[in-house]
Amino acid sequence: MSIAAPPPVRQPVHWLAATRPQFITITVVAVLVGLAASAHDGIAIDTLRLVLTLVGAIVVHAGANLVNDYHDRDGDARNDERLSPFTGGSRVIQQGLFSPRAAALYGYALLALAAAIGALLALTGRPALWTVGAAGLLLAVLYSAPPLRLSARGLGEFVITGAWLLVVLGADLVQRGSWSITALAAGLPIGLLVAAILHVNEFPDRAADAASGKQTIVVQLGPRLAAWAYLALVLAAYLWLAFAAFADVLPRWTLIGWAALPLSLFAAVHLIRHAGRAPTAVLMPAIKATIAAAHLNGLLIAAALLFTAR
């Protein structure tokens, strides 16, 4: 007679690890860009709104990560080429720390909490937040969940660009109370560079994704061509920033965001040289450089907006 294994004892660190905190900081940076866009245009920053916005953005990102872990659990289980902690999910399901059902409940509970925070902010004279919040929650779920499962259709990079643009627009909208071209222009570079994080992470996951029927861009294009797609993606972010600055949509000081370009180019060259080669660990420098570039670019744009505030 077999004895059933006792349920896992989850420590606080396990609840945190399940949210993939190593990626949450880029959401904080996106919120800062949105706040800086408001401050640049002379909007006084409301501290309570700031705190609620930050918490809401972090919670929706954490919830989306858990929903993704739940729906990608089979592919993650067969992923022997993952580069932890950046690819292959949080592994809390595969390690037995959370059952698939518990992970899903945790993720959707976080999304519900984020929805409540967004509704609270919308009801305080920010009706346009209903649109931003609804779009953000839909993307958080449909990125991973059927029937659309957008990440499995090669649309993940588009979803991520839009999602992080919504973070910037939402953070600005909470303070300003209306839509802003400043926030739109400042948010697109970080949206594209966060999409580059997703894109580079698809390389070591390519075999597992293909085996599970997840048709990411890297799976569809193959590693060599996808490496050049990475270069096009990051260049689009910097070229947009230059266009916005020289068109006087953003202050010229935001061109300081180009200081992150060497990191992006290093990652692109590294991918072009090594994509598709074994072991996948050779791609770790490109992953780290991509993450660093997105953070640096966003922080520098936010700083430039604050420096030139009216």
Protein backbone atom coordinates (compact mmCIF):
# COMPACT_ATOMS: atom_id res chain seq x y z
CA MET A 1 0.00 0.00 0.00
CA SER A 2 1.55 3.28 -1.09
CA ILE A 3 1.44 6.34 1.08
CA ALA A 4 0.61 9.61 -0.61
CA ALA A 5 3.31 12.23 -0.40
CA PRO A 6 2.47 15.12 1.92
CA PRO A 7 1.58 18.42 0.28
CA PRO A 8 4.53 20.78 -0.16
CA VAL A 9 5.24 23.25 2.60
CA ARG A 10 5.51 26.59 0.84
CA GLN A 11 7.81 29.14 2.37
CA PRO A 12 7.52 32.89 1.64
CA VAL A 13 10.46 32.58 -0.74
CA HIS A 14 8.50 30.07 -2.83
CA TRP A 15 5.55 32.44 -3.20
CA LEU A 16 7.99 35.12 -4.33
CA ALA A 17 9.95 32.83 -6.68
CA ALA A 18 6.73 31.80 -8.41
CA THR A 19 6.25 35.40 -9.61
CA ARG A 20 9.69 35.47 -11.33
CA PRO A 21 10.91 38.56 -9.45
CA GLN A 22 14.03 38.79 -11.63
CA PHE A 23 11.82 40.30 -14.34
CA ILE A 24 9.60 42.53 -12.20
CA THR A 25 12.13 45.37 -12.06
CA ILE A 26 11.57 46.21 -15.73
CA THR A 27 7.92 46.92 -14.90
CA VAL A 28 9.06 49.32 -12.18
CA VAL A 29 11.21 51.08 -14.78
CA ALA A 30 8.22 51.38 -17.14
CA VAL A 31 6.14 52.95 -14.37
CA LEU A 32 8.97 55.43 -13.74
CA VAL A 33 8.98 56.39 -17.42
CA GLY A 34 5.24 57.09 -17.27
CA LEU A 35 5.59 59.16 -14.10
CA ALA A 36 8.50 61.07 -15.60
CA ALA A 37 6.39 61.86 -18.69
CA SER A 38 3.80 63.48 -16.42
CA ALA A 39 6.39 65.37 -14.41
CA HIS A 40 8.05 66.58 -17.61
CA ASP A 41 4.78 68.21 -18.67
CA GLY A 42 4.37 69.97 -15.33
CA ILE A 43 1.95 67.54 -13.69
CA ALA A 44 2.30 67.36 -9.90
CA ILE A 45 2.85 63.75 -8.85
CA ASP A 46 0.25 62.38 -6.43
CA THR A 47 2.08 60.00 -4.06
CA LEU A 48 -0.90 57.76 -3.27
CA ARG A 49 -1.72 57.35 -6.95
CA LEU A 50 1.95 56.60 -7.59
CA VAL A 51 2.05 53.85 -4.96
CA LEU A 52 -1.19 52.26 -6.18
CA THR A 53 0.02 52.37 -9.78
CA LEU A 54 3.32 50.74 -8.87
CA VAL A 55 1.68 48.00 -6.83
CA GLY A 56 -0.94 47.37 -9.52
CA ALA A 57 1.64 47.10 -12.30
CA ILE A 58 3.84 44.74 -10.28
CA VAL A 59 0.90 42.55 -9.30
CA VAL A 60 -0.43 42.22 -12.86
CA HIS A 61 3.05 41.29 -14.11
CA ALA A 62 3.44 38.69 -11.36
CA GLY A 63 -0.01 37.28 -12.09
CA ALA A 64 0.71 37.06 -15.82
CA ASN A 65 3.93 35.15 -15.08
CA LEU A 66 2.03 32.57 -13.03
CA VAL A 67 -0.69 32.20 -15.65
CA ASN A 68 2.08 31.66 -18.19
CA ASP A 69 3.72 29.01 -15.99
CA TYR A 70 0.39 27.19 -15.72
CA HIS A 71 -0.32 27.13 -19.44
CA ASP A 72 3.29 26.39 -20.45
CA ARG A 73 3.85 23.72 -17.79
CA ASP A 74 4.15 20.80 -20.22
CA GLY A 75 6.68 22.55 -22.45
CA ASP A 76 8.64 23.80 -19.43
CA ALA A 77 8.75 20.25 -18.04
CA ARG A 78 10.59 18.98 -21.14
CA ASN A 79 12.88 22.01 -21.39
CA ASP A 80 16.37 20.62 -20.75
CA GLU A 81 18.16 23.58 -22.34
CA ARG A 82 16.70 26.36 -20.20
CA LEU A 83 18.99 29.00 -18.75
CA SER A 84 17.75 29.57 -15.23
CA PRO A 85 16.62 31.91 -13.85
CA PHE A 86 15.83 33.67 -17.13
CA THR A 87 14.17 31.02 -19.31
CA GLY A 88 11.99 27.96 -18.85
CA GLY A 89 9.57 29.52 -16.39
CA SER A 90 9.79 29.73 -12.61
CA ARG A 91 9.91 25.89 -12.24
CA VAL A 92 7.69 25.94 -9.14
CA ILE A 93 5.26 23.51 -10.78
CA GLN A 94 8.01 21.21 -12.04
CA GLN A 95 9.67 21.21 -8.60
CA GLY A 96 6.42 20.27 -6.89
CA LEU A 97 6.19 23.49 -4.90
CA PHE A 98 2.86 24.38 -6.52
CA SER A 99 0.36 22.10 -8.18
CA PRO A 100 -0.79 23.36 -11.57
CA ARG A 101 -4.15 24.27 -10.04
CA ALA A 102 -2.53 26.17 -7.16
CA ALA A 103 -0.29 28.09 -9.57
CA ALA A 104 -3.30 29.03 -11.71
CA LEU A 105 -5.33 30.14 -8.69
CA TYR A 106 -2.41 32.19 -7.42
CA GLY A 107 -1.94 33.85 -10.80
CA TYR A 108 -5.59 34.67 -11.38
CA ALA A 109 -5.94 35.93 -7.79
CA LEU A 110 -3.10 38.37 -8.44
CA LEU A 111 -4.77 39.52 -11.66
CA ALA A 112 -8.01 40.03 -9.75
CA LEU A 113 -6.15 42.12 -7.18
CA ALA A 114 -4.61 44.20 -9.98
CA ALA A 115 -8.08 44.67 -11.48
CA ALA A 116 -9.39 45.92 -8.13
CA ILE A 117 -6.53 48.43 -7.84
CA GLY A 118 -7.14 49.62 -11.39
CA ALA A 119 -10.87 49.99 -10.74
CA LEU A 120 -10.16 52.02 -7.61
CA LEU A 121 -7.92 54.38 -9.58
CA ALA A 122 -10.42 54.62 -12.46
CA LEU A 123 -13.20 55.57 -10.05
CA THR A 124 -11.17 58.50 -8.74
CA GLY A 125 -11.69 60.59 -11.85
CA ARG A 126 -9.65 58.54 -14.33
CA PRO A 127 -12.28 56.87 -16.55
CA ALA A 128 -9.79 56.23 -19.38
CA LEU A 129 -8.09 53.73 -17.06
CA TRP A 130 -10.95 51.31 -17.71
CA THR A 131 -9.63 50.96 -21.25
CA VAL A 132 -5.99 50.62 -20.22
CA GLY A 133 -6.79 48.17 -17.45
CA ALA A 134 -9.07 45.98 -19.55
CA ALA A 135 -6.51 45.85 -22.38
CA GLY A 136 -3.69 45.04 -19.97
CA LEU A 137 -5.60 42.22 -18.27
CA LEU A 138 -6.67 40.76 -21.60
CA LEU A 139 -3.08 40.72 -22.84
CA ALA A 140 -1.88 39.19 -19.56
CA VAL A 141 -4.28 36.27 -19.97
CA LEU A 142 -4.45 35.81 -23.75
CA TYR A 143 -0.65 35.84 -24.04
CA SER A 144 -0.65 32.33 -22.56
CA ALA A 145 -4.20 31.03 -22.28
CA PRO A 146 -6.30 29.30 -24.92
CA PRO A 147 -8.08 29.72 -27.18
CA LEU A 148 -5.81 32.45 -28.56
CA ARG A 149 -2.56 31.65 -26.71
CA LEU A 150 -0.88 34.48 -28.56
CA SER A 151 2.66 33.59 -27.47
CA ALA A 152 2.33 30.23 -29.22
CA ARG A 153 1.35 31.91 -32.50
CA GLY A 154 4.48 34.02 -32.92
CA LEU A 155 2.76 37.10 -31.51
CA GLY A 156 4.50 37.23 -28.14
CA GLU A 157 6.81 40.11 -29.04
CA PHE A 158 3.88 42.20 -30.27
CA VAL A 159 1.90 41.49 -27.08
CA ILE A 160 4.84 42.40 -24.86
CA THR A 161 5.51 45.65 -26.73
CA GLY A 162 1.88 46.62 -26.31
CA ALA A 163 1.71 45.53 -22.68
CA TRP A 164 4.70 47.59 -21.56
CA LEU A 165 3.53 50.55 -23.60
CA LEU A 166 0.26 50.28 -21.64
CA VAL A 167 2.23 50.34 -18.37
CA VAL A 168 3.84 53.63 -19.35
CA LEU A 169 0.59 55.10 -20.68
CA GLY A 170 -1.30 53.96 -17.59
CA ALA A 171 1.25 55.35 -15.12
CA ASP A 172 1.10 58.69 -16.92
CA LEU A 173 -2.69 58.64 -17.24
CA VAL A 174 -3.17 58.06 -13.51
CA GLN A 175 -1.32 61.31 -12.80
CA ARG A 176 -2.34 63.42 -15.80
CA GLY A 177 -5.94 62.32 -16.22
CA SER A 178 -5.76 62.31 -20.01
CA TRP A 179 -3.86 60.69 -22.87
CA SER A 180 -0.40 62.03 -23.68
CA ILE A 181 1.82 61.95 -26.75
CA THR A 182 4.80 62.36 -24.42
CA ALA A 183 4.04 59.08 -22.66
CA LEU A 184 3.36 57.32 -25.96
CA ALA A 185 6.65 58.46 -27.46
CA ALA A 186 8.65 57.66 -24.32
CA GLY A 187 6.95 54.29 -23.80
CA LEU A 188 7.56 52.72 -27.18
CA PRO A 189 11.35 52.24 -26.76
CA ILE A 190 10.99 50.37 -23.48
CA GLY A 191 8.13 48.34 -24.95
CA LEU A 192 10.34 47.24 -27.84
CA LEU A 193 13.33 46.51 -25.60
CA VAL A 194 11.22 44.41 -23.22
CA ALA A 195 9.99 42.52 -26.29
CA ALA A 196 13.67 41.94 -27.06
CA ILE A 197 14.03 40.30 -23.63
CA LEU A 198 11.27 37.87 -24.55
CA HIS A 199 12.81 37.31 -27.97
CA VAL A 200 16.29 36.50 -26.69
CA ASN A 201 14.83 34.15 -24.08
CA GLU A 202 13.11 32.18 -26.83
CA PHE A 203 16.46 30.96 -28.19
CA PRO A 204 17.38 28.50 -25.41
CA ASP A 205 13.71 27.44 -25.16
CA ARG A 206 13.41 26.80 -28.91
CA ALA A 207 13.58 22.98 -28.89
CA ALA A 208 11.11 22.60 -26.01
CA ASP A 209 8.76 25.17 -27.53
CA ALA A 210 8.80 23.39 -30.90
CA ALA A 211 8.18 20.02 -29.26
CA SER A 212 5.15 21.38 -27.41
CA GLY A 213 3.70 23.10 -30.47
CA LYS A 214 4.57 26.61 -29.34
CA GLN A 215 5.36 28.46 -32.55
CA THR A 216 7.38 31.42 -31.29
CA ILE A 217 9.14 33.70 -33.74
CA VAL A 218 12.42 31.92 -33.02
CA VAL A 219 10.80 28.55 -33.75
CA GLN A 220 9.24 29.84 -36.97
CA LEU A 221 12.29 31.67 -38.32
CA GLY A 222 15.00 29.40 -36.99
CA PRO A 223 17.85 30.66 -34.81
CA ARG A 224 19.98 32.26 -37.51
CA LEU A 225 17.27 34.42 -39.07
CA ALA A 226 15.71 35.11 -35.65
CA ALA A 227 19.04 36.57 -34.50
CA TRP A 228 18.80 39.16 -37.26
CA ALA A 229 15.18 39.80 -36.25
CA TYR A 230 16.52 40.60 -32.78
CA LEU A 231 18.83 43.23 -34.28
CA ALA A 232 15.92 44.79 -36.19
CA LEU A 233 13.81 44.86 -33.02
CA VAL A 234 16.35 46.67 -30.87
CA LEU A 235 17.32 49.09 -33.64
CA ALA A 236 13.65 50.01 -34.00
CA ALA A 237 13.64 51.10 -30.34
CA TYR A 238 16.63 53.42 -30.73
CA LEU A 239 15.54 54.78 -34.10
CA TRP A 240 12.10 55.61 -32.72
CA LEU A 241 13.73 57.44 -29.81
CA ALA A 242 15.85 59.47 -32.23
CA PHE A 243 12.82 60.28 -34.39
CA ALA A 244 10.76 61.40 -31.38
CA ALA A 245 13.60 63.57 -30.08
CA PHE A 246 14.40 65.27 -33.40
CA ALA A 247 10.69 65.74 -34.11
CA ASP A 248 10.48 67.58 -30.77
CA VAL A 249 7.95 65.11 -29.40
CA LEU A 250 10.47 64.30 -26.69
CA PRO A 251 13.25 66.55 -25.36
CA ARG A 252 16.64 66.09 -27.01
CA TRP A 253 18.03 65.01 -23.66
CA THR A 254 16.17 61.71 -24.04
CA LEU A 255 18.74 60.76 -26.66
CA ILE A 256 20.85 59.80 -23.66
CA GLY A 257 18.86 56.57 -23.87
CA TRP A 258 21.17 55.69 -26.76
CA ALA A 259 23.82 54.99 -24.12
CA ALA A 260 22.22 51.55 -23.84
CA LEU A 261 22.82 50.85 -27.55
CA PRO A 262 26.25 49.21 -27.08
CA LEU A 263 24.63 46.61 -24.80
CA SER A 264 21.94 45.90 -27.37
CA LEU A 265 24.48 45.66 -30.20
CA PHE A 266 26.70 43.36 -28.13
CA ALA A 267 23.71 41.08 -27.57
CA ALA A 268 22.78 41.16 -31.26
CA VAL A 269 26.29 40.30 -32.44
CA HIS A 270 26.54 37.55 -29.82
CA LEU A 271 23.25 36.05 -31.03
CA ILE A 272 24.24 36.25 -34.69
CA ARG A 273 27.49 34.45 -33.91
CA HIS A 274 26.18 31.80 -31.51
CA ALA A 275 22.44 31.24 -32.06
CA GLY A 276 21.65 27.61 -32.80
CA ARG A 277 24.88 26.32 -31.32
CA ALA A 278 25.17 23.98 -28.36
CA PRO A 279 25.25 24.34 -25.45
CA THR A 280 22.63 27.04 -25.05
CA ALA A 281 24.59 28.42 -22.08
CA VAL A 282 26.69 30.29 -24.65
CA LEU A 283 23.69 32.64 -25.05
CA MET A 284 23.73 33.83 -21.43
CA PRO A 285 25.81 36.98 -22.15
CA ALA A 286 23.26 38.07 -24.77
CA ILE A 287 20.38 37.53 -22.34
CA LYS A 288 22.05 39.53 -19.58
CA ALA A 289 23.02 42.35 -21.95
CA THR A 290 19.45 42.54 -23.29
CA ILE A 291 17.99 42.84 -19.80
CA ALA A 292 20.57 45.46 -18.84
CA ALA A 293 19.90 47.49 -22.01
CA ALA A 294 16.15 47.65 -21.38
CA HIS A 295 16.67 48.82 -17.80
CA LEU A 296 19.35 51.36 -18.69
CA ASN A 297 17.43 52.81 -21.62
CA GLY A 298 14.26 53.23 -19.59
CA LEU A 299 16.01 54.75 -16.59
CA LEU A 300 17.92 57.22 -18.76
CA ILE A 301 14.79 58.31 -20.63
CA ALA A 302 12.99 58.80 -17.31
CA ALA A 303 15.92 60.80 -15.95
CA ALA A 304 16.03 62.99 -19.08
CA LEU A 305 12.30 63.71 -18.83
CA LEU A 306 12.66 64.69 -15.18
CA PHE A 307 15.74 66.83 -15.91
CA THR A 308 13.81 68.81 -18.54
CA ALA A 309 10.58 69.09 -16.53
CA ARG A 310 8.68 72.34 -17.04
